[in-house]
Amino acid sequence: MTICNWEGNKSSPFILYIPKIIRFLGYNPFPAGGTLPEKLTTARKVLGLSQKELAKSLRVDPTTVQGWEAGRHKPIRRCLAKIGSVLCKV
């Protein structure tokens, strides 16, 4: 039933299960994204990280990550290098 709900867009898998689902499928079903917010959001999901967990690893506030993913503001130069290291893991 859970898979049917996912396929019917009635629910979404928990973020921590996404890496395992990608391994099971054998491919990444998420679009690559063209903008930094899209790339950051996709990379975070593929890695199975919540916004809070990503913020902790980048040493920023979770609302900062929310703002980046929403495209409300851009990361400063210091954070871009850290974000780049996260994106490289995908």
Protein backbone atom coordinates (compact mmCIF):
# COMPACT_ATOMS: atom_id res chain seq x y z
CA MET A 1 0.00 0.00 0.00
CA THR A 2 2.88 2.34 0.80
CA ILE A 3 4.36 1.99 -2.68
CA CYS A 4 0.92 2.57 -4.25
CA ASN A 5 0.59 5.78 -2.23
CA TRP A 6 4.05 6.90 -3.41
CA GLU A 7 3.23 6.11 -7.03
CA GLY A 8 -0.10 7.92 -6.75
CA ASN A 9 1.53 10.97 -5.17
CA LYS A 10 -0.63 10.51 -2.08
CA SER A 11 2.44 10.38 0.14
CA SER A 12 6.22 10.58 -0.13
CA PRO A 13 8.87 8.32 1.33
CA PHE A 14 10.72 9.55 4.39
CA ILE A 15 13.90 11.36 3.37
CA LEU A 16 16.12 8.81 5.11
CA TYR A 17 14.78 6.03 2.83
CA ILE A 18 15.49 7.82 -0.45
CA PRO A 19 19.14 6.67 -0.83
CA LYS A 20 18.01 3.05 -0.36
CA ILE A 21 15.16 3.49 -2.84
CA ILE A 22 17.60 4.92 -5.41
CA ARG A 23 19.93 1.94 -4.90
CA PHE A 24 17.00 -0.45 -5.28
CA LEU A 25 15.78 1.24 -8.47
CA GLY A 26 19.28 1.42 -9.89
CA TYR A 27 18.82 5.03 -10.97
CA ASN A 28 18.02 8.45 -9.55
CA PRO A 29 14.40 9.38 -10.36
CA PHE A 30 14.85 13.01 -9.34
CA PRO A 31 15.35 15.63 -12.05
CA ALA A 32 18.89 17.03 -12.10
CA GLY A 33 17.70 20.62 -11.76
CA GLY A 34 19.16 23.62 -13.47
CA THR A 35 19.33 26.23 -10.73
CA LEU A 36 21.33 26.14 -7.51
CA PRO A 37 18.17 25.79 -5.37
CA GLU A 38 16.99 22.83 -7.49
CA LYS A 39 20.42 21.19 -7.44
CA LEU A 40 20.79 21.69 -3.70
CA THR A 41 17.33 20.27 -2.96
CA THR A 42 17.89 17.24 -5.19
CA ALA A 43 21.36 16.57 -3.74
CA ARG A 44 20.01 16.80 -0.20
CA LYS A 45 17.22 14.33 -0.96
CA VAL A 46 19.51 11.90 -2.79
CA LEU A 47 21.83 11.91 0.23
CA GLY A 48 18.86 11.31 2.54
CA LEU A 49 19.43 14.50 4.53
CA SER A 50 16.82 16.74 6.07
CA GLN A 51 17.28 20.49 5.80
CA LYS A 52 18.25 20.49 9.46
CA GLU A 53 20.92 17.81 8.93
CA LEU A 54 22.33 19.59 5.89
CA ALA A 55 22.42 22.86 7.81
CA LYS A 56 24.31 21.18 10.64
CA SER A 57 26.91 19.76 8.25
CA LEU A 58 27.32 23.17 6.58
CA ARG A 59 27.36 24.96 9.95
CA VAL A 60 24.48 27.25 9.07
CA ASP A 61 21.00 27.76 10.46
CA PRO A 62 18.26 25.49 9.03
CA THR A 63 16.29 28.55 7.92
CA THR A 64 19.29 29.51 5.79
CA VAL A 65 19.09 26.20 3.92
CA GLN A 66 15.33 26.72 3.52
CA GLY A 67 16.00 30.13 2.01
CA TRP A 68 18.59 28.75 -0.40
CA GLU A 69 16.30 25.95 -1.55
CA ALA A 70 13.39 28.35 -1.97
CA GLY A 71 15.59 30.72 -3.96
CA ARG A 72 14.92 33.60 -1.55
CA HIS A 73 18.63 34.29 -1.15
CA LYS A 74 21.99 33.04 -2.38
CA PRO A 75 24.75 31.51 -0.28
CA ILE A 76 27.83 33.56 0.51
CA ARG A 77 31.18 32.55 -0.98
CA ARG A 78 32.31 30.68 2.15
CA CYS A 79 29.21 28.47 2.00
CA LEU A 80 29.43 27.87 -1.75
CA ALA A 81 32.57 25.76 -1.30
CA LYS A 82 30.86 23.67 1.36
CA ILE A 83 27.76 23.29 -0.82
CA GLY A 84 30.00 22.24 -3.70
CA SER A 85 31.43 19.45 -1.59
CA VAL A 86 27.91 18.24 -0.83
CA LEU A 87 26.88 18.36 -4.49
CA CYS A 88 29.98 16.37 -5.46
CA LYS A 89 28.81 13.44 -3.33
CA VAL A 90 25.79 12.94 -5.56
